[in-house]
């Protein structure tokens, strides 16, 4: 089985936790609700299922806030995350020199192998991550992309496929919102960001029809992701 970095992303995410906790508390009105759902899983040392944190994707800042939903000493670290291939970041200006590749691997990010039209191929690394003995927490957006207008995009099938294949527990997380936050908003505390952690959802809640539980199709994977997105939207309201 492919070996993934464990200690380095754990250490870097703990450092990032301290840095961004201070920054967000000082400069941004940030509130995290529903952490009791995560704490219950963190205390369960007999947990055999992997964990998927599924959120809407409002900004590049989302990834910096995600570790804050976990207790600092949680056994669910590190949080691996789904990223794009390096080529997708060529239009990101100076950030294109850092985003993707080895740098993201160090932080816990692994790219989707896009263009394969096969979930098993596209999400090969993420399936392996969820099936390893430790470090089985993954963050993904059911939308498959960052919002362009502040509204959520329809769900793609990646989350549903991961849940079906690994029997992972899904934690819906609503981020409201880092969208279009600029430096002025950040440093002047003009924006309040509320991150709400929902109750865990199981595979049986996302795949309910007889066909979906035995021989799911692409539509079933997308529908499973949409159920999670609908829950996220409900939490935001």
Protein backbone atom coordinates (compact mmCIF):
# COMPACT_ATOMS: atom_id res chain seq x y z
CA UNK A 1 0.00 0.00 0.00
CA UNK A 2 1.18 3.51 -0.78
CA UNK A 3 2.77 5.31 2.18
CA UNK A 4 1.40 8.74 3.08
CA UNK A 5 3.00 11.33 5.29
CA UNK A 6 1.52 11.29 8.77
CA UNK A 7 3.71 13.08 11.29
CA UNK A 8 4.58 16.08 9.12
CA UNK A 9 1.01 17.13 8.24
CA UNK A 10 -0.01 16.48 11.84
CA UNK A 11 2.72 18.77 13.15
CA UNK A 12 2.09 21.48 10.55
CA UNK A 13 -1.65 21.42 11.17
CA UNK A 14 -1.12 21.77 14.92
CA UNK A 15 1.15 24.77 14.27
CA UNK A 16 -1.44 26.16 11.86
CA UNK A 17 -4.13 25.59 14.49
CA UNK A 18 -2.35 27.89 16.95
CA UNK A 19 -1.54 30.55 14.33
CA UNK A 20 -4.97 30.74 12.75
CA UNK A 21 -6.82 30.39 16.04
CA UNK A 22 -5.08 33.57 17.22
CA UNK A 23 -5.50 35.37 13.88
CA UNK A 24 -9.18 34.57 13.56
CA UNK A 25 -9.93 35.41 17.18
CA UNK A 26 -8.11 38.76 16.93
CA UNK A 27 -9.06 39.89 13.42
CA UNK A 28 -12.17 37.93 12.41
CA UNK A 29 -15.39 37.40 14.34
CA UNK A 30 -15.30 33.61 14.00
CA UNK A 31 -17.63 31.22 15.79
CA UNK A 32 -17.58 27.44 15.62
CA UNK A 33 -20.79 25.67 16.59
CA UNK A 34 -21.58 22.00 17.08
CA UNK A 35 -18.07 20.88 18.10
CA UNK A 36 -19.68 18.35 20.43
CA UNK A 37 -20.35 16.14 17.39
CA UNK A 38 -16.61 16.00 16.65
CA UNK A 39 -15.61 15.61 20.32
CA UNK A 40 -17.78 12.53 20.66
CA UNK A 41 -15.97 10.86 17.75
CA UNK A 42 -12.56 12.03 19.03
CA UNK A 43 -13.17 10.31 22.36
CA UNK A 44 -14.24 7.05 20.74
CA UNK A 45 -11.03 5.02 20.67
CA UNK A 46 -12.93 2.01 19.32
CA UNK A 47 -13.91 3.91 16.18
CA UNK A 48 -13.34 1.61 13.20
CA UNK A 49 -14.76 3.77 10.41
CA UNK A 50 -12.90 6.56 8.63
CA UNK A 51 -14.16 10.13 8.91
CA UNK A 52 -15.01 12.50 6.06
CA UNK A 53 -15.44 16.18 6.83
CA UNK A 54 -17.71 17.48 4.07
CA UNK A 55 -18.20 21.22 3.72
CA UNK A 56 -19.22 23.85 1.24
CA UNK A 57 -16.20 25.55 -0.32
CA UNK A 58 -16.30 29.34 0.03
CA UNK A 59 -12.65 30.41 -0.20
CA UNK A 60 -9.02 29.37 -0.10
CA UNK A 61 -9.23 30.23 3.61
CA UNK A 62 -11.54 27.26 4.27
CA UNK A 63 -8.59 24.89 4.60
CA UNK A 64 -6.98 27.09 7.28
CA UNK A 65 -10.11 26.96 9.45
CA UNK A 66 -10.86 23.26 9.09
CA UNK A 67 -8.40 22.09 11.81
CA UNK A 68 -10.15 24.43 14.26
CA UNK A 69 -13.26 22.22 14.26
CA UNK A 70 -11.24 19.45 15.95
CA UNK A 71 -10.04 19.47 19.55
CA UNK A 72 -6.32 20.29 19.57
CA UNK A 73 -5.39 16.83 20.90
CA UNK A 74 -7.91 14.93 18.80
CA UNK A 75 -6.95 11.49 17.52
CA UNK A 76 -8.57 12.46 14.21
CA UNK A 77 -5.50 14.42 13.08
CA UNK A 78 -4.14 14.85 10.51
CA UNK A 79 -6.91 16.08 8.24
CA UNK A 80 -6.02 15.05 4.71
CA UNK A 81 -7.74 17.02 2.01
CA UNK A 82 -8.71 16.70 -1.64
CA UNK A 83 -6.91 19.13 -3.93
CA UNK A 84 -6.53 19.78 -7.63
CA UNK A 85 -3.58 18.75 -9.74
CA UNK A 86 -0.74 21.28 -9.86
CA UNK A 87 -1.66 22.36 -13.39
CA UNK A 88 -5.01 23.66 -12.16
CA UNK A 89 -3.28 26.33 -10.05
CA UNK A 90 -1.36 28.01 -12.89
CA UNK A 91 -3.77 30.97 -12.88
CA UNK A 92 -3.34 31.64 -9.14
CA UNK A 93 -0.57 34.22 -9.55
CA UNK A 94 2.29 34.00 -7.04
CA UNK A 95 0.43 31.23 -5.20
CA UNK A 96 0.86 28.96 -8.22
CA UNK A 97 4.49 28.47 -7.17
CA UNK A 98 3.35 26.84 -3.91
CA UNK A 99 -0.02 25.27 -4.54
CA UNK A 100 -0.19 21.59 -5.36
CA UNK A 101 2.48 18.92 -5.50
CA UNK A 102 4.96 18.37 -2.68
CA UNK A 103 3.91 21.44 -0.70
CA UNK A 104 0.30 20.29 -0.49
CA UNK A 105 1.45 16.74 0.31
CA UNK A 106 3.37 18.13 3.29
CA UNK A 107 0.18 19.79 4.52
CA UNK A 108 -1.95 16.70 3.90
CA UNK A 109 -3.32 17.51 0.46
CA UNK A 110 -3.53 14.93 -2.33
CA UNK A 111 -4.76 15.66 -5.82
CA UNK A 112 -7.64 14.19 -7.75
CA UNK A 113 -6.48 12.47 -10.92
CA UNK A 114 -8.87 14.40 -13.11
CA UNK A 115 -9.84 13.40 -16.63
CA UNK A 116 -10.05 9.67 -15.93
CA UNK A 117 -13.89 9.54 -15.80
CA UNK A 118 -13.46 6.78 -13.22
CA UNK A 119 -13.94 7.47 -9.53
CA UNK A 120 -11.67 4.62 -8.49
CA UNK A 121 -8.81 6.13 -10.52
CA UNK A 122 -9.54 9.80 -9.79
CA UNK A 123 -9.78 9.20 -6.04
CA UNK A 124 -7.21 6.43 -5.75
CA UNK A 125 -5.06 8.19 -3.13
CA UNK A 126 -8.06 9.30 -1.07
CA UNK A 127 -9.49 5.79 -1.00
CA UNK A 128 -6.15 4.50 0.27
CA UNK A 129 -5.98 7.26 2.88
CA UNK A 130 -9.39 6.35 4.26
CA UNK A 131 -8.48 2.65 4.38
CA UNK A 132 -5.15 2.98 6.19
CA UNK A 133 -4.77 2.13 9.87
CA UNK A 134 -4.32 5.69 11.12
CA UNK A 135 -4.82 9.21 9.89
CA UNK A 136 -8.16 8.39 8.31
CA UNK A 137 -9.78 11.82 8.32
CA UNK A 138 -10.41 13.46 4.97
CA UNK A 139 -11.87 16.84 4.04
CA UNK A 140 -13.74 17.19 0.75
CA UNK A 141 -16.29 19.54 -0.72
CA UNK A 142 -19.25 17.71 -2.30
CA UNK A 143 -19.37 20.55 -4.85
CA UNK A 144 -15.95 19.58 -6.19
CA UNK A 145 -14.97 23.23 -6.62
CA UNK A 146 -14.90 26.61 -4.90
CA UNK A 147 -17.99 28.79 -5.30
CA UNK A 148 -17.76 31.62 -7.85
CA UNK A 149 -20.82 33.58 -6.77
CA UNK A 150 -21.33 32.73 -3.09
CA UNK A 151 -23.94 30.09 -3.81
CA UNK A 152 -23.36 26.36 -3.56
CA UNK A 153 -22.84 24.36 -6.72
CA UNK A 154 -24.65 21.06 -7.35
CA UNK A 155 -22.96 18.05 -5.81
CA UNK A 156 -20.61 15.89 -7.79
CA UNK A 157 -20.21 12.19 -7.16
CA UNK A 158 -16.81 12.02 -5.45
CA UNK A 159 -18.05 12.21 -1.87
CA UNK A 160 -20.75 9.63 -2.48
CA UNK A 161 -18.26 7.23 -4.05
CA UNK A 162 -15.83 7.57 -1.13
CA UNK A 163 -18.59 6.94 1.39
CA UNK A 164 -19.96 3.95 -0.47
CA UNK A 165 -16.55 2.32 -0.95
CA UNK A 166 -15.15 2.92 2.55
CA UNK A 167 -18.29 3.08 4.74
CA UNK A 168 -16.98 6.36 6.11
CA UNK A 169 -18.86 8.52 8.60
CA UNK A 170 -19.66 11.93 7.11
CA UNK A 171 -19.58 15.10 9.21
CA UNK A 172 -21.41 17.91 7.35
CA UNK A 173 -19.83 21.32 7.98
CA UNK A 174 -21.41 24.63 6.97
CA UNK A 175 -19.01 27.54 6.40
CA UNK A 176 -20.81 30.89 6.45
CA UNK A 177 -18.64 32.43 5.01
CA UNK A 178 -15.16 33.42 3.84
CA UNK A 179 -16.48 34.23 0.36
CA UNK A 180 -14.89 37.37 -1.13
CA UNK A 181 -13.17 38.24 2.14
CA UNK A 182 -10.38 40.72 1.45
CA UNK A 183 -7.59 42.05 3.66
CA UNK A 184 -9.69 45.04 4.73
CA UNK A 185 -12.53 42.76 5.87
CA UNK A 186 -10.05 40.52 7.66
CA UNK A 187 -8.09 43.08 9.65
CA UNK A 188 -11.02 45.34 10.53
CA UNK A 189 -13.31 42.59 11.89
CA UNK A 190 -16.01 43.59 9.40
CA UNK A 191 -17.00 40.00 8.74
CA UNK A 192 -18.42 37.36 11.05
CA UNK A 193 -17.72 33.79 10.01
CA UNK A 194 -19.82 31.00 11.49
CA UNK A 195 -18.73 27.38 11.04
CA UNK A 196 -21.38 24.85 12.05
CA UNK A 197 -20.57 21.18 12.57
CA UNK A 198 -23.54 18.90 12.01
CA UNK A 199 -24.36 15.49 13.37
CA UNK A 200 -22.63 12.48 11.78
CA UNK A 201 -24.27 10.89 8.75
CA UNK A 202 -23.85 7.25 7.75
CA UNK A 203 -23.79 5.45 4.41
CA UNK A 204 -27.28 4.05 5.00
CA UNK A 205 -28.63 7.63 5.22
CA UNK A 206 -27.06 8.62 1.91
CA UNK A 207 -27.88 5.49 -0.09
CA UNK A 208 -31.48 4.57 0.56
CA UNK A 209 -32.96 3.01 -2.58
CA UNK A 210 -32.51 -0.75 -3.19
CA UNK A 211 -30.43 -0.17 -6.33
CA UNK A 212 -28.22 2.41 -4.62
CA UNK A 213 -27.31 0.02 -1.83
CA UNK A 214 -26.29 -2.80 -4.16
CA UNK A 215 -25.28 -1.44 -7.56
CA UNK A 216 -25.11 2.36 -7.30
CA UNK A 217 -24.79 4.45 -10.44
CA UNK A 218 -23.18 7.84 -10.95
CA UNK A 219 -26.54 9.45 -10.23
CA UNK A 220 -26.66 7.69 -6.86
CA UNK A 221 -23.21 9.00 -5.91
CA UNK A 222 -24.25 12.51 -6.87
CA UNK A 223 -27.51 12.17 -4.98
CA UNK A 224 -25.64 11.10 -1.86
CA UNK A 225 -23.44 14.18 -2.12
CA UNK A 226 -26.49 16.37 -2.66
CA UNK A 227 -28.09 15.04 0.52
CA UNK A 228 -25.04 16.28 2.42
CA UNK A 229 -25.09 19.65 0.62
CA UNK A 230 -28.78 20.04 1.41
CA UNK A 231 -28.00 19.40 5.07
CA UNK A 232 -25.22 22.01 4.94
CA UNK A 233 -27.59 24.54 3.40
CA UNK A 234 -30.16 23.77 6.08
CA UNK A 235 -27.58 24.41 8.81
CA UNK A 236 -26.68 27.75 7.25
CA UNK A 237 -30.31 28.86 7.34
